[in-house]
């Protein structure tokens, strides 16, 4: 009976690790994105929230998270008018509403 060369076993093992690792990365993308996005950014929100101002956020944060951090929408603003899942950027100035 012939034995399988060790080089083939190593090749199959490495291939298996790459396939399983790729599946893990694909299925856990949100977790990995949060871990890799630790860069601080600063965003200003002017109206439409209860506490307008400049906020320290993390790269990859969304408008929804910024609005939550700023005390939520004020009485005149309507959440349906905005893309709350949109990513915010460093130095961005956001003006909600028509004041």
Protein backbone atom coordinates (compact mmCIF):
# COMPACT_ATOMS: atom_id res chain seq x y z
CA UNK A 1 0.00 0.00 0.00
CA UNK A 2 1.31 3.44 -0.94
CA UNK A 3 1.58 6.18 1.64
CA UNK A 4 0.68 9.77 0.90
CA UNK A 5 3.74 12.06 0.83
CA UNK A 6 3.95 14.51 3.73
CA UNK A 7 4.09 17.45 1.33
CA UNK A 8 0.59 16.56 0.07
CA UNK A 9 -0.72 16.31 3.62
CA UNK A 10 0.72 19.75 4.41
CA UNK A 11 -0.80 21.15 1.23
CA UNK A 12 -4.26 19.77 2.09
CA UNK A 13 -3.95 21.05 5.68
CA UNK A 14 -3.00 24.58 4.53
CA UNK A 15 -5.82 24.56 1.97
CA UNK A 16 -8.30 23.51 4.66
CA UNK A 17 -7.11 26.28 7.00
CA UNK A 18 -7.47 28.87 4.21
CA UNK A 19 -11.00 27.72 3.34
CA UNK A 20 -12.17 27.67 6.97
CA UNK A 21 -10.45 31.01 7.65
CA UNK A 22 -12.08 32.59 4.60
CA UNK A 23 -15.49 31.36 5.69
CA UNK A 24 -14.93 32.79 9.19
CA UNK A 25 -13.88 36.17 7.79
CA UNK A 26 -16.91 36.31 5.49
CA UNK A 27 -19.41 35.37 8.21
CA UNK A 28 -17.94 37.69 10.87
CA UNK A 29 -17.26 40.78 8.77
CA UNK A 30 -19.09 43.25 11.09
CA UNK A 31 -17.03 42.10 14.08
CA UNK A 32 -13.78 42.36 12.14
CA UNK A 33 -14.72 45.79 10.77
CA UNK A 34 -15.30 47.11 14.29
CA UNK A 35 -11.97 45.72 15.50
CA UNK A 36 -10.03 47.21 12.60
CA UNK A 37 -11.65 50.65 12.71
CA UNK A 38 -10.24 52.18 15.86
CA UNK A 39 -9.21 55.43 14.18
CA UNK A 40 -10.82 58.45 15.82
CA UNK A 41 -12.64 61.02 13.71
CA UNK A 42 -14.43 64.26 14.59
CA UNK A 43 -17.86 65.12 13.19
CA UNK A 44 -20.02 68.18 13.81
CA UNK A 45 -23.80 67.95 13.88
CA UNK A 46 -25.50 71.35 13.84
CA UNK A 47 -29.30 70.97 14.18
CA UNK A 48 -31.99 68.40 14.38
CA UNK A 49 -30.67 66.78 17.54
CA UNK A 50 -31.05 67.53 21.23
CA UNK A 51 -27.33 68.23 21.79
CA UNK A 52 -25.68 69.71 18.67
CA UNK A 53 -21.90 69.89 18.71
CA UNK A 54 -18.64 68.25 17.71
CA UNK A 55 -18.36 64.57 18.56
CA UNK A 56 -15.44 62.18 18.70
CA UNK A 57 -16.43 59.06 16.80
CA UNK A 58 -14.70 56.03 15.36
CA UNK A 59 -14.01 55.49 11.67
CA UNK A 60 -16.88 53.44 10.25
CA UNK A 61 -19.54 54.77 12.65
CA UNK A 62 -22.91 55.62 11.16
CA UNK A 63 -25.17 58.66 11.24
CA UNK A 64 -27.54 56.68 13.48
CA UNK A 65 -24.86 56.26 16.14
CA UNK A 66 -23.92 59.96 15.94
CA UNK A 67 -27.56 60.99 16.41
CA UNK A 68 -27.87 58.66 19.41
CA UNK A 69 -24.71 60.16 20.91
CA UNK A 70 -26.14 63.66 20.33
CA UNK A 71 -29.28 62.90 22.35
CA UNK A 72 -31.54 61.74 19.53
CA UNK A 73 -33.67 63.74 17.13
CA UNK A 74 -35.30 66.94 18.37
CA UNK A 75 -39.05 67.49 17.97
CA UNK A 76 -38.84 69.04 14.48
CA UNK A 77 -36.66 66.36 12.85
CA UNK A 78 -37.97 63.23 11.20
CA UNK A 79 -35.77 60.14 11.07
CA UNK A 80 -37.34 58.92 7.81
CA UNK A 81 -35.69 61.75 5.86
CA UNK A 82 -32.10 60.54 6.43
CA UNK A 83 -29.97 57.54 5.57
CA UNK A 84 -29.17 56.50 9.14
CA UNK A 85 -26.90 53.67 8.01
CA UNK A 86 -24.63 56.01 6.05
CA UNK A 87 -21.03 56.14 7.24
CA UNK A 88 -19.78 59.44 8.66
CA UNK A 89 -16.39 60.92 7.83
CA UNK A 90 -13.70 62.92 9.59
CA UNK A 91 -14.34 66.65 9.45
CA UNK A 92 -17.90 66.23 8.21
CA UNK A 93 -20.50 68.87 9.15
CA UNK A 94 -24.04 67.51 9.26
CA UNK A 95 -27.02 69.86 9.25
CA UNK A 96 -30.31 68.12 9.92
CA UNK A 97 -33.59 69.85 9.26
CA UNK A 98 -34.06 73.18 7.50
CA UNK A 99 -33.07 75.69 10.20
